[in-house]
């Protein structure tokens, strides 16, 4: 596998893990946002701009949810 593929696997795995743990605290919501940001970077780097754009939107939504959570 290429380095880009490994990066994508890491990003998506981090998203899944952080999403599963969101109920444990707001810091997992923030970590989910960061993982979505990594997923967005991966999407744009591999040339799948719709995936990159949607992941960027998910990151923004997660940051908004984190800010509303009161940290």
C-alpha atoms as a PDB file:
ATOM      1  CA  UNK A   1       0.000   0.000   0.000  1.00  0.00           C
ATOM      2  CA  UNK A   2       1.116   3.529  -0.687  1.00  0.00           C
ATOM      3  CA  UNK A   3       1.717   6.146   1.994  1.00  0.00           C
ATOM      4  CA  UNK A   4      -1.434   7.951   0.839  1.00  0.00           C
ATOM      5  CA  UNK A   5      -3.508   4.801   1.310  1.00  0.00           C
ATOM      6  CA  UNK A   6      -2.094   4.301   4.814  1.00  0.00           C
ATOM      7  CA  UNK A   7      -2.897   7.928   5.618  1.00  0.00           C
ATOM      8  CA  UNK A   8      -6.479   7.437   4.428  1.00  0.00           C
ATOM      9  CA  UNK A   9      -6.839   4.256   6.452  1.00  0.00           C
ATOM     10  CA  UNK A  10      -5.587   6.062   9.548  1.00  0.00           C
ATOM     11  CA  UNK A  11      -7.937   9.030   8.992  1.00  0.00           C
ATOM     12  CA  UNK A  12     -11.039   6.916   8.471  1.00  0.00           C
ATOM     13  CA  UNK A  13     -10.171   4.584  11.365  1.00  0.00           C
ATOM     14  CA  UNK A  14      -9.686   7.591  13.667  1.00  0.00           C
ATOM     15  CA  UNK A  15     -13.042   8.977  12.550  1.00  0.00           C
ATOM     16  CA  UNK A  16     -14.775   5.699  13.358  1.00  0.00           C
ATOM     17  CA  UNK A  17     -13.123   5.359  16.758  1.00  0.00           C
ATOM     18  CA  UNK A  18     -13.791   8.953  17.800  1.00  0.00           C
ATOM     19  CA  UNK A  19     -17.391   8.777  16.602  1.00  0.00           C
ATOM     20  CA  UNK A  20     -17.944   5.636  18.654  1.00  0.00           C
ATOM     21  CA  UNK A  21     -16.514   7.341  21.753  1.00  0.00           C
ATOM     22  CA  UNK A  22     -18.279  10.716  21.395  1.00  0.00           C
ATOM     23  CA  UNK A  23     -20.680   9.948  24.240  1.00  0.00           C
ATOM     24  CA  UNK A  24     -17.724   9.761  26.657  1.00  0.00           C
ATOM     25  CA  UNK A  25     -16.983  13.455  26.436  1.00  0.00           C
ATOM     26  CA  UNK A  26     -16.659  16.568  24.316  1.00  0.00           C
ATOM     27  CA  UNK A  27     -12.963  15.991  23.636  1.00  0.00           C
ATOM     28  CA  UNK A  28     -13.904  12.985  21.505  1.00  0.00           C
ATOM     29  CA  UNK A  29     -16.158  15.286  19.477  1.00  0.00           C
ATOM     30  CA  UNK A  30     -13.170  17.559  18.894  1.00  0.00           C
ATOM     31  CA  UNK A  31     -11.003  14.555  18.005  1.00  0.00           C
ATOM     32  CA  UNK A  32     -13.711  13.469  15.549  1.00  0.00           C
ATOM     33  CA  UNK A  33     -13.544  16.920  13.957  1.00  0.00           C
ATOM     34  CA  UNK A  34      -9.768  16.613  13.593  1.00  0.00           C
ATOM     35  CA  UNK A  35     -10.116  13.133  12.097  1.00  0.00           C
ATOM     36  CA  UNK A  36     -12.686  14.476   9.628  1.00  0.00           C
ATOM     37  CA  UNK A  37     -10.171  17.167   8.703  1.00  0.00           C
ATOM     38  CA  UNK A  38      -7.598  14.464   8.000  1.00  0.00           C
ATOM     39  CA  UNK A  39     -10.191  12.589   5.951  1.00  0.00           C
ATOM     40  CA  UNK A  40     -10.835  15.746   3.972  1.00  0.00           C
ATOM     41  CA  UNK A  41      -7.138  16.184   3.245  1.00  0.00           C
ATOM     42  CA  UNK A  42      -6.977  12.559   2.150  1.00  0.00           C
ATOM     43  CA  UNK A  43      -9.955  12.995  -0.188  1.00  0.00           C
ATOM     44  CA  UNK A  44      -8.443  16.031  -1.879  1.00  0.00           C
ATOM     45  CA  UNK A  45      -4.987  14.424  -2.145  1.00  0.00           C
ATOM     46  CA  UNK A  46      -6.356  11.334  -3.833  1.00  0.00           C
ATOM     47  CA  UNK A  47      -8.418  13.413  -6.257  1.00  0.00           C
ATOM     48  CA  UNK A  48     -11.844  12.613  -4.821  1.00  0.00           C
ATOM     49  CA  UNK A  49     -12.880  16.212  -4.243  1.00  0.00           C
ATOM     50  CA  UNK A  50     -16.531  15.374  -3.336  1.00  0.00           C
ATOM     51  CA  UNK A  51     -15.270  13.173  -0.485  1.00  0.00           C
ATOM     52  CA  UNK A  52     -12.858  15.899   0.591  1.00  0.00           C
ATOM     53  CA  UNK A  53     -15.595  18.522   0.547  1.00  0.00           C
ATOM     54  CA  UNK A  54     -18.074  16.424   2.526  1.00  0.00           C
ATOM     55  CA  UNK A  55     -15.455  15.545   5.135  1.00  0.00           C
ATOM     56  CA  UNK A  56     -14.607  19.245   5.500  1.00  0.00           C
ATOM     57  CA  UNK A  57     -18.293  19.951   6.146  1.00  0.00           C
ATOM     58  CA  UNK A  58     -18.423  17.132   8.733  1.00  0.00           C
ATOM     59  CA  UNK A  59     -15.377  18.662  10.433  1.00  0.00           C
ATOM     60  CA  UNK A  60     -17.114  22.047  10.612  1.00  0.00           C
ATOM     61  CA  UNK A  61     -20.285  20.471  12.014  1.00  0.00           C
ATOM     62  CA  UNK A  62     -18.287  18.585  14.656  1.00  0.00           C
ATOM     63  CA  UNK A  63     -16.432  21.748  15.694  1.00  0.00           C
ATOM     64  CA  UNK A  64     -19.768  23.514  16.029  1.00  0.00           C
ATOM     65  CA  UNK A  65     -21.081  20.640  18.198  1.00  0.00           C
ATOM     66  CA  UNK A  66     -17.923  20.769  20.324  1.00  0.00           C
ATOM     67  CA  UNK A  67     -18.291  24.519  20.894  1.00  0.00           C
ATOM     68  CA  UNK A  68     -21.935  24.086  21.920  1.00  0.00           C
ATOM     69  CA  UNK A  69     -21.052  21.280  24.333  1.00  0.00           C
ATOM     70  CA  UNK A  70     -19.510  23.688  26.812  1.00  0.00           C
ATOM     71  CA  UNK A  71     -16.190  21.802  26.719  1.00  0.00           C
END
